[in-house]
C-alpha atoms as a PDB file:
ATOM      1  CA  UNK A   1       3.758  21.642   5.611  1.00  0.00           C
ATOM      2  CA  UNK A   2       5.938  18.951   7.167  1.00  0.00           C
ATOM      3  CA  UNK A   3       9.329  19.474   8.769  1.00  0.00           C
ATOM      4  CA  UNK A   4      11.358  18.042   5.876  1.00  0.00           C
ATOM      5  CA  UNK A   5       9.769  20.455   3.392  1.00  0.00           C
ATOM      6  CA  UNK A   6      10.355  23.436   5.668  1.00  0.00           C
ATOM      7  CA  UNK A   7      14.017  22.455   6.003  1.00  0.00           C
ATOM      8  CA  UNK A   8      14.369  21.968   2.268  1.00  0.00           C
ATOM      9  CA  UNK A   9      12.741  25.297   1.361  1.00  0.00           C
ATOM     10  CA  UNK A  10      14.825  27.100   3.983  1.00  0.00           C
ATOM     11  CA  UNK A  11      17.972  25.558   2.567  1.00  0.00           C
ATOM     12  CA  UNK A  12      16.999  26.535  -0.966  1.00  0.00           C
ATOM     13  CA  UNK A  13      16.533  30.088   0.275  1.00  0.00           C
ATOM     14  CA  UNK A  14      19.996  30.042   1.825  1.00  0.00           C
ATOM     15  CA  UNK A  15      21.445  28.668  -1.397  1.00  0.00           C
ATOM     16  CA  UNK A  16      19.785  31.469  -3.364  1.00  0.00           C
ATOM     17  CA  UNK A  17      21.355  34.056  -1.044  1.00  0.00           C
ATOM     18  CA  UNK A  18      24.737  32.431  -1.534  1.00  0.00           C
ATOM     19  CA  UNK A  19      24.286  32.537  -5.300  1.00  0.00           C
ATOM     20  CA  UNK A  20      23.499  36.235  -5.078  1.00  0.00           C
ATOM     21  CA  UNK A  21      26.582  36.637  -2.878  1.00  0.00           C
ATOM     22  CA  UNK A  22      28.718  34.864  -5.483  1.00  0.00           C
ATOM     23  CA  UNK A  23      27.387  37.149  -8.209  1.00  0.00           C
ATOM     24  CA  UNK A  24      28.017  40.136  -5.953  1.00  0.00           C
ATOM     25  CA  UNK A  25      31.649  39.095  -5.461  1.00  0.00           C
ATOM     26  CA  UNK A  26      32.066  38.635  -9.181  1.00  0.00           C
ATOM     27  CA  UNK A  27      30.684  42.120  -9.860  1.00  0.00           C
ATOM     28  CA  UNK A  28      32.889  43.569  -7.149  1.00  0.00           C
ATOM     29  CA  UNK A  29      35.942  41.999  -8.756  1.00  0.00           C
ATOM     30  CA  UNK A  30      35.026  43.581 -12.066  1.00  0.00           C
ATOM     31  CA  UNK A  31      34.393  46.981 -10.507  1.00  0.00           C
ATOM     32  CA  UNK A  32      37.443  47.079  -8.260  1.00  0.00           C
ATOM     33  CA  UNK A  33      39.784  45.927 -10.942  1.00  0.00           C
ATOM     34  CA  UNK A  34      38.942  48.570 -13.483  1.00  0.00           C
ATOM     35  CA  UNK A  35      41.566  49.684 -15.994  1.00  0.00           C
ATOM     36  CA  UNK A  36      42.658  52.812 -14.165  1.00  0.00           C
ATOM     37  CA  UNK A  37      43.026  50.967 -10.861  1.00  0.00           C
ATOM     38  CA  UNK A  38      45.106  48.252 -12.450  1.00  0.00           C
ATOM     39  CA  UNK A  39      47.436  50.767 -14.048  1.00  0.00           C
ATOM     40  CA  UNK A  40      48.287  52.298 -10.673  1.00  0.00           C
ATOM     41  CA  UNK A  41      48.564  49.017  -8.745  1.00  0.00           C
ATOM     42  CA  UNK A  42      51.904  47.401  -8.299  1.00  0.00           C
ATOM     43  CA  UNK A  43      52.268  43.882  -9.578  1.00  0.00           C
ATOM     44  CA  UNK A  44      52.551  42.410  -6.063  1.00  0.00           C
ATOM     45  CA  UNK A  45      49.436  44.211  -4.829  1.00  0.00           C
ATOM     46  CA  UNK A  46      47.511  43.058  -7.888  1.00  0.00           C
ATOM     47  CA  UNK A  47      48.507  39.453  -7.291  1.00  0.00           C
ATOM     48  CA  UNK A  48      47.508  39.686  -3.635  1.00  0.00           C
ATOM     49  CA  UNK A  49      44.136  41.224  -4.511  1.00  0.00           C
ATOM     50  CA  UNK A  50      43.399  38.590  -7.153  1.00  0.00           C
ATOM     51  CA  UNK A  51      44.471  35.821  -4.763  1.00  0.00           C
ATOM     52  CA  UNK A  52      42.187  37.214  -2.059  1.00  0.00           C
ATOM     53  CA  UNK A  53      39.160  37.302  -4.318  1.00  0.00           C
ATOM     54  CA  UNK A  54      40.010  33.912  -5.729  1.00  0.00           C
ATOM     55  CA  UNK A  55      40.091  32.497  -2.212  1.00  0.00           C
ATOM     56  CA  UNK A  56      36.743  34.100  -1.373  1.00  0.00           C
ATOM     57  CA  UNK A  57      35.259  32.761  -4.574  1.00  0.00           C
ATOM     58  CA  UNK A  58      36.546  29.260  -3.875  1.00  0.00           C
ATOM     59  CA  UNK A  59      35.202  29.357  -0.318  1.00  0.00           C
ATOM     60  CA  UNK A  60      31.827  30.518  -1.567  1.00  0.00           C
ATOM     61  CA  UNK A  61      31.828  27.864  -4.265  1.00  0.00           C
ATOM     62  CA  UNK A  62      32.583  25.205  -1.649  1.00  0.00           C
ATOM     63  CA  UNK A  63      29.733  26.486   0.492  1.00  0.00           C
ATOM     64  CA  UNK A  64      27.466  26.353  -2.530  1.00  0.00           C
ATOM     65  CA  UNK A  65      28.460  22.740  -3.228  1.00  0.00           C
ATOM     66  CA  UNK A  66      27.884  21.867   0.420  1.00  0.00           C
ATOM     67  CA  UNK A  67      24.446  23.470   0.415  1.00  0.00           C
ATOM     68  CA  UNK A  68      23.558  21.722  -2.840  1.00  0.00           C
ATOM     69  CA  UNK A  69      24.599  18.416  -1.275  1.00  0.00           C
ATOM     70  CA  UNK A  70      22.362  19.133   1.709  1.00  0.00           C
ATOM     71  CA  UNK A  71      19.441  19.978  -0.573  1.00  0.00           C
ATOM     72  CA  UNK A  72      19.941  16.716  -2.430  1.00  0.00           C
ATOM     73  CA  UNK A  73      20.027  14.919   0.916  1.00  0.00           C
ATOM     74  CA  UNK A  74      16.820  16.591   2.066  1.00  0.00           C
ATOM     75  CA  UNK A  75      15.145  15.767  -1.226  1.00  0.00           C
ATOM     76  CA  UNK A  76      16.333  12.181  -0.950  1.00  0.00           C
ATOM     77  CA  UNK A  77      15.048  11.953   2.599  1.00  0.00           C
ATOM     78  CA  UNK A  78      11.745  13.492   1.612  1.00  0.00           C
ATOM     79  CA  UNK A  79      11.389  11.128  -1.333  1.00  0.00           C
ATOM     80  CA  UNK A  80      12.303   8.243   0.942  1.00  0.00           C
ATOM     81  CA  UNK A  81       9.718   9.421   3.445  1.00  0.00           C
ATOM     82  CA  UNK A  82       7.078   9.615   0.740  1.00  0.00           C
ATOM     83  CA  UNK A  83       8.150   6.232  -0.592  1.00  0.00           C
ATOM     84  CA  UNK A  84       7.946   4.832   2.927  1.00  0.00           C
ATOM     85  CA  UNK A  85       4.477   6.308   3.391  1.00  0.00           C
ATOM     86  CA  UNK A  86       3.352   4.818   0.078  1.00  0.00           C
ATOM     87  CA  UNK A  87       4.853   1.470   1.047  1.00  0.00           C
ATOM     88  CA  UNK A  88       3.144   1.562   4.438  1.00  0.00           C
ATOM     89  CA  UNK A  89      -0.152   2.501   2.808  1.00  0.00           C
ATOM     90  CA  UNK A  90       0.194  -0.418   0.408  1.00  0.00           C
ATOM     91  CA  UNK A  91       1.076  -2.802   3.240  1.00  0.00           C
ATOM     92  CA  UNK A  92      -1.900  -1.528   5.246  1.00  0.00           C
ATOM     93  CA  UNK A  93      -4.182  -1.979   2.246  1.00  0.00           C
ATOM     94  CA  UNK A  94      -2.891  -5.516   1.648  1.00  0.00           C
ATOM     95  CA  UNK A  95      -3.226  -6.351   5.336  1.00  0.00           C
ATOM     96  CA  UNK A  96      -6.786  -5.030   5.475  1.00  0.00           C
ATOM     97  CA  UNK A  97      -7.635  -7.098   2.419  1.00  0.00           C
ATOM     98  CA  UNK A  98      -6.176 -10.229   3.988  1.00  0.00           C
ATOM     99  CA  UNK A  99      -8.025  -9.549   7.227  1.00  0.00           C
ATOM    100  CA  UNK A 100     -11.230  -9.029   5.288  1.00  0.00           C
ATOM    101  CA  UNK A 101     -11.615  -5.399   6.355  1.00  0.00           C
ATOM    102  CA  UNK A 102     -11.864  -4.142   2.778  1.00  0.00           C
ATOM    103  CA  UNK A 103     -14.556  -4.670   0.186  1.00  0.00           C
ATOM    104  CA  UNK A 104     -12.979  -6.450  -2.779  1.00  0.00           C
ATOM    105  CA  UNK A 105     -13.897  -7.184  -6.374  1.00  0.00           C
ATOM    106  CA  UNK A 106     -12.270  -9.589  -8.771  1.00  0.00           C
ATOM    107  CA  UNK A 107     -12.346 -12.709 -10.878  1.00  0.00           C
ATOM    108  CA  UNK A 108     -13.953 -15.658  -9.169  1.00  0.00           C
ATOM    109  CA  UNK A 109     -16.929 -17.949  -8.822  1.00  0.00           C
ATOM    110  CA  UNK A 110     -20.373 -17.853  -7.260  1.00  0.00           C
ATOM    111  CA  UNK A 111     -21.792 -21.059  -5.798  1.00  0.00           C
ATOM    112  CA  UNK A 112     -25.455 -21.376  -4.932  1.00  0.00           C
ATOM    113  CA  UNK A 113     -26.214 -24.258  -2.583  1.00  0.00           C
ATOM    114  CA  UNK A 114     -29.614 -25.240  -1.205  1.00  0.00           C
ATOM    115  CA  UNK A 115     -31.334 -28.276   0.114  1.00  0.00           C
ATOM    116  CA  UNK A 116     -32.595 -31.077  -2.084  1.00  0.00           C
ATOM    117  CA  UNK A 117     -35.829 -32.678  -0.874  1.00  0.00           C
ATOM    118  CA  UNK A 118     -35.991 -32.356   2.933  1.00  0.00           C
ATOM    119  CA  UNK A 119     -32.318 -32.364   3.811  1.00  0.00           C
ATOM    120  CA  UNK A 120     -31.154 -28.931   5.019  1.00  0.00           C
ATOM    121  CA  UNK A 121     -27.701 -27.567   4.265  1.00  0.00           C
ATOM    122  CA  UNK A 122     -25.602 -28.010   7.397  1.00  0.00           C
ATOM    123  CA  UNK A 123     -22.896 -25.728   8.829  1.00  0.00           C
ATOM    124  CA  UNK A 124     -20.476 -28.605   8.254  1.00  0.00           C
ATOM    125  CA  UNK A 125     -21.315 -28.623   4.549  1.00  0.00           C
ATOM    126  CA  UNK A 126     -20.665 -24.879   4.289  1.00  0.00           C
ATOM    127  CA  UNK A 127     -17.465 -25.122   6.306  1.00  0.00           C
ATOM    128  CA  UNK A 128     -16.273 -27.948   4.076  1.00  0.00           C
ATOM    129  CA  UNK A 129     -16.979 -25.786   1.012  1.00  0.00           C
ATOM    130  CA  UNK A 130     -15.009 -22.902   2.499  1.00  0.00           C
ATOM    131  CA  UNK A 131     -12.044 -25.185   3.187  1.00  0.00           C
ATOM    132  CA  UNK A 132     -12.117 -26.549  -0.368  1.00  0.00           C
ATOM    133  CA  UNK A 133     -12.078 -23.016  -1.758  1.00  0.00           C
ATOM    134  CA  UNK A 134      -9.205 -21.985   0.501  1.00  0.00           C
ATOM    135  CA  UNK A 135      -7.189 -25.021  -0.554  1.00  0.00           C
ATOM    136  CA  UNK A 136      -7.851 -24.051  -4.181  1.00  0.00           C
ATOM    137  CA  UNK A 137      -6.326 -20.619  -3.569  1.00  0.00           C
ATOM    138  CA  UNK A 138      -9.340 -18.421  -2.866  1.00  0.00           C
ATOM    139  CA  UNK A 139      -8.227 -14.966  -1.761  1.00  0.00           C
ATOM    140  CA  UNK A 140     -11.582 -13.878  -0.346  1.00  0.00           C
ATOM    141  CA  UNK A 141     -14.784 -15.752   0.496  1.00  0.00           C
ATOM    142  CA  UNK A 142     -18.251 -14.774   1.631  1.00  0.00           C
ATOM    143  CA  UNK A 143     -21.488 -16.606   2.378  1.00  0.00           C
ATOM    144  CA  UNK A 144     -24.658 -14.575   1.884  1.00  0.00           C
ATOM    145  CA  UNK A 145     -22.422 -11.473   1.978  1.00  0.00           C
ATOM    146  CA  UNK A 146     -20.904 -12.465   5.323  1.00  0.00           C
ATOM    147  CA  UNK A 147     -17.137 -12.225   4.857  1.00  0.00           C
ATOM    148  CA  UNK A 148     -15.286 -15.345   5.973  1.00  0.00           C
ATOM    149  CA  UNK A 149     -12.159 -14.538   7.999  1.00  0.00           C
ATOM    150  CA  UNK A 150     -10.058 -16.322  10.608  1.00  0.00           C
ATOM    151  CA  UNK A 151     -12.475 -15.204  13.319  1.00  0.00           C
ATOM    152  CA  UNK A 152     -15.598 -16.346  11.490  1.00  0.00           C
ATOM    153  CA  UNK A 153     -17.802 -19.058  12.943  1.00  0.00           C
ATOM    154  CA  UNK A 154     -20.435 -21.084  11.124  1.00  0.00           C
ATOM    155  CA  UNK A 155     -22.835 -22.527  13.663  1.00  0.00           C
ATOM    156  CA  UNK A 156     -26.330 -23.941  13.936  1.00  0.00           C
ATOM    157  CA  UNK A 157     -27.675 -22.949  17.370  1.00  0.00           C
ATOM    158  CA  UNK A 158     -31.232 -23.959  16.506  1.00  0.00           C
ATOM    159  CA  UNK A 159     -32.951 -24.574  13.184  1.00  0.00           C
ATOM    160  CA  UNK A 160     -30.954 -21.906  11.343  1.00  0.00           C
ATOM    161  CA  UNK A 161     -27.336 -21.135  10.479  1.00  0.00           C
ATOM    162  CA  UNK A 162     -25.381 -18.202  11.901  1.00  0.00           C
ATOM    163  CA  UNK A 163     -22.180 -16.764  10.451  1.00  0.00           C
ATOM    164  CA  UNK A 164     -20.263 -13.995  12.235  1.00  0.00           C
ATOM    165  CA  UNK A 165     -23.158 -13.829  14.686  1.00  0.00           C
ATOM    166  CA  UNK A 166     -25.669 -13.065  11.917  1.00  0.00           C
ATOM    167  CA  UNK A 167     -28.499 -15.358  10.900  1.00  0.00           C
ATOM    168  CA  UNK A 168     -28.471 -16.425   7.259  1.00  0.00           C
ATOM    169  CA  UNK A 169     -31.136 -18.314   5.348  1.00  0.00           C
ATOM    170  CA  UNK A 170     -31.239 -20.522   2.263  1.00  0.00           C
ATOM    171  CA  UNK A 171     -30.414 -20.418  -0.542  1.00  0.00           C
ATOM    172  CA  UNK A 172     -26.780 -19.967   0.427  1.00  0.00           C
ATOM    173  CA  UNK A 173     -24.692 -17.917  -1.984  1.00  0.00           C
ATOM    174  CA  UNK A 174     -20.984 -18.485  -1.618  1.00  0.00           C
ATOM    175  CA  UNK A 175     -18.625 -16.127  -3.434  1.00  0.00           C
ATOM    176  CA  UNK A 176     -14.897 -16.663  -3.858  1.00  0.00           C
ATOM    177  CA  UNK A 177     -12.241 -14.531  -5.538  1.00  0.00           C
ATOM    178  CA  UNK A 178      -9.326 -16.330  -7.130  1.00  0.00           C
ATOM    179  CA  UNK A 179      -8.231 -18.218 -10.214  1.00  0.00           C
ATOM    180  CA  UNK A 180     -11.541 -19.270 -11.769  1.00  0.00           C
ATOM    181  CA  UNK A 181     -10.137 -22.433 -13.334  1.00  0.00           C
ATOM    182  CA  UNK A 182      -8.540 -23.646 -10.107  1.00  0.00           C
ATOM    183  CA  UNK A 183     -11.568 -22.864  -7.981  1.00  0.00           C
ATOM    184  CA  UNK A 184     -14.061 -24.500 -10.295  1.00  0.00           C
ATOM    185  CA  UNK A 185     -11.880 -27.546 -10.969  1.00  0.00           C
ATOM    186  CA  UNK A 186     -11.305 -28.118  -7.247  1.00  0.00           C
ATOM    187  CA  UNK A 187     -15.058 -28.326  -6.660  1.00  0.00           C
ATOM    188  CA  UNK A 188     -16.103 -30.279  -9.753  1.00  0.00           C
ATOM    189  CA  UNK A 189     -13.292 -32.846  -9.950  1.00  0.00           C
ATOM    190  CA  UNK A 190     -14.363 -36.452  -9.481  1.00  0.00           C
ATOM    191  CA  UNK A 191     -14.502 -37.126  -5.760  1.00  0.00           C
ATOM    192  CA  UNK A 192     -14.618 -33.373  -5.093  1.00  0.00           C
ATOM    193  CA  UNK A 193     -17.161 -31.268  -3.237  1.00  0.00           C
ATOM    194  CA  UNK A 194     -19.889 -31.300  -5.878  1.00  0.00           C
ATOM    195  CA  UNK A 195     -19.501 -35.029  -6.541  1.00  0.00           C
ATOM    196  CA  UNK A 196     -19.797 -35.872  -2.832  1.00  0.00           C
ATOM    197  CA  UNK A 197     -22.686 -33.539  -2.002  1.00  0.00           C
ATOM    198  CA  UNK A 198     -24.758 -33.440  -5.189  1.00  0.00           C
ATOM    199  CA  UNK A 199     -27.193 -36.102  -3.925  1.00  0.00           C
ATOM    200  CA  UNK A 200     -28.008 -34.108  -0.800  1.00  0.00           C
ATOM    201  CA  UNK A 201     -27.837 -30.545  -2.133  1.00  0.00           C
ATOM    202  CA  UNK A 202     -28.546 -28.598  -5.277  1.00  0.00           C
ATOM    203  CA  UNK A 203     -25.256 -26.929  -6.240  1.00  0.00           C
ATOM    204  CA  UNK A 204     -24.877 -24.396  -9.028  1.00  0.00           C
ATOM    205  CA  UNK A 205     -21.555 -22.760  -9.996  1.00  0.00           C
ATOM    206  CA  UNK A 206     -21.093 -19.624 -12.088  1.00  0.00           C
ATOM    207  CA  UNK A 207     -17.846 -17.908 -13.050  1.00  0.00           C
ATOM    208  CA  UNK A 208     -17.248 -14.190 -13.524  1.00  0.00           C
ATOM    209  CA  UNK A 209     -16.485 -10.996 -11.664  1.00  0.00           C
ATOM    210  CA  UNK A 210     -17.667 -11.008  -8.056  1.00  0.00           C
ATOM    211  CA  UNK A 211     -17.784  -8.467  -5.244  1.00  0.00           C
ATOM    212  CA  UNK A 212     -17.244  -9.509  -1.638  1.00  0.00           C
ATOM    213  CA  UNK A 213     -18.212  -7.210   1.203  1.00  0.00           C
ATOM    214  CA  UNK A 214     -15.847  -6.402   4.072  1.00  0.00           C
ATOM    215  CA  UNK A 215     -15.955  -8.084   7.472  1.00  0.00           C
ATOM    216  CA  UNK A 216     -17.877  -5.978   9.998  1.00  0.00           C
ATOM    217  CA  UNK A 217     -17.205  -8.037  13.100  1.00  0.00           C
ATOM    218  CA  UNK A 218     -14.653  -7.719  15.889  1.00  0.00           C
ATOM    219  CA  UNK A 219     -11.109  -8.944  15.195  1.00  0.00           C
ATOM    220  CA  UNK A 220      -9.836  -8.549  18.749  1.00  0.00           C
ATOM    221  CA  UNK A 221      -8.244 -11.525  20.501  1.00  0.00           C
ATOM    222  CA  UNK A 222      -9.657 -12.592  23.871  1.00  0.00           C
ATOM    223  CA  UNK A 223      -7.103 -15.216  24.864  1.00  0.00           C
ATOM    224  CA  UNK A 224      -3.967 -14.716  22.807  1.00  0.00           C
ATOM    225  CA  UNK A 225      -1.280 -12.518  24.374  1.00  0.00           C
ATOM    226  CA  UNK A 226       1.876 -10.864  23.066  1.00  0.00           C
END
């Protein structure tokens, strides 16, 4: 149980005791001002007694209002704390998604690209495809289930392509989450990616729900400083 809840429950307990105290005072007033007692009390004494109990009642009522205000404050603070936690959790979730640290599923397209004749797909061709998708508003991209993030590299150290330090082989399956119409139009428009590369590569595009795995690499910075 966190501190705010302990404080709130303790305060509610105090308020309950005060309520009992108020009831006790009310019962005492009834008992001590019975008919026989009133008959024998002088008018001045009766007024003083009633004034005394009235003052006590008012003081207790003010204490009750003060305690109720504190309870409301604690509840408000607790709700604010919970709201803050929920907000932070949402921000963390959104940040992890943007960083590629979360597996995501959504509307998008799947592009299969492979060589035509003897011309291999180059890292430059894949990088160009990624850039086209980003410009078209892609929210998440992967190539052969390798999540593309700011730290990703697409290189060709020998006769194969590596992404995020992992070797990938043809055919290359590129997935992108985003507005299907925008993504597909950006690639198939005249003078677009497909038009420019269709002679060298076989490119197939499908629309639908896609799942993109999270990035498993290291996001630490080696040269940037605070």
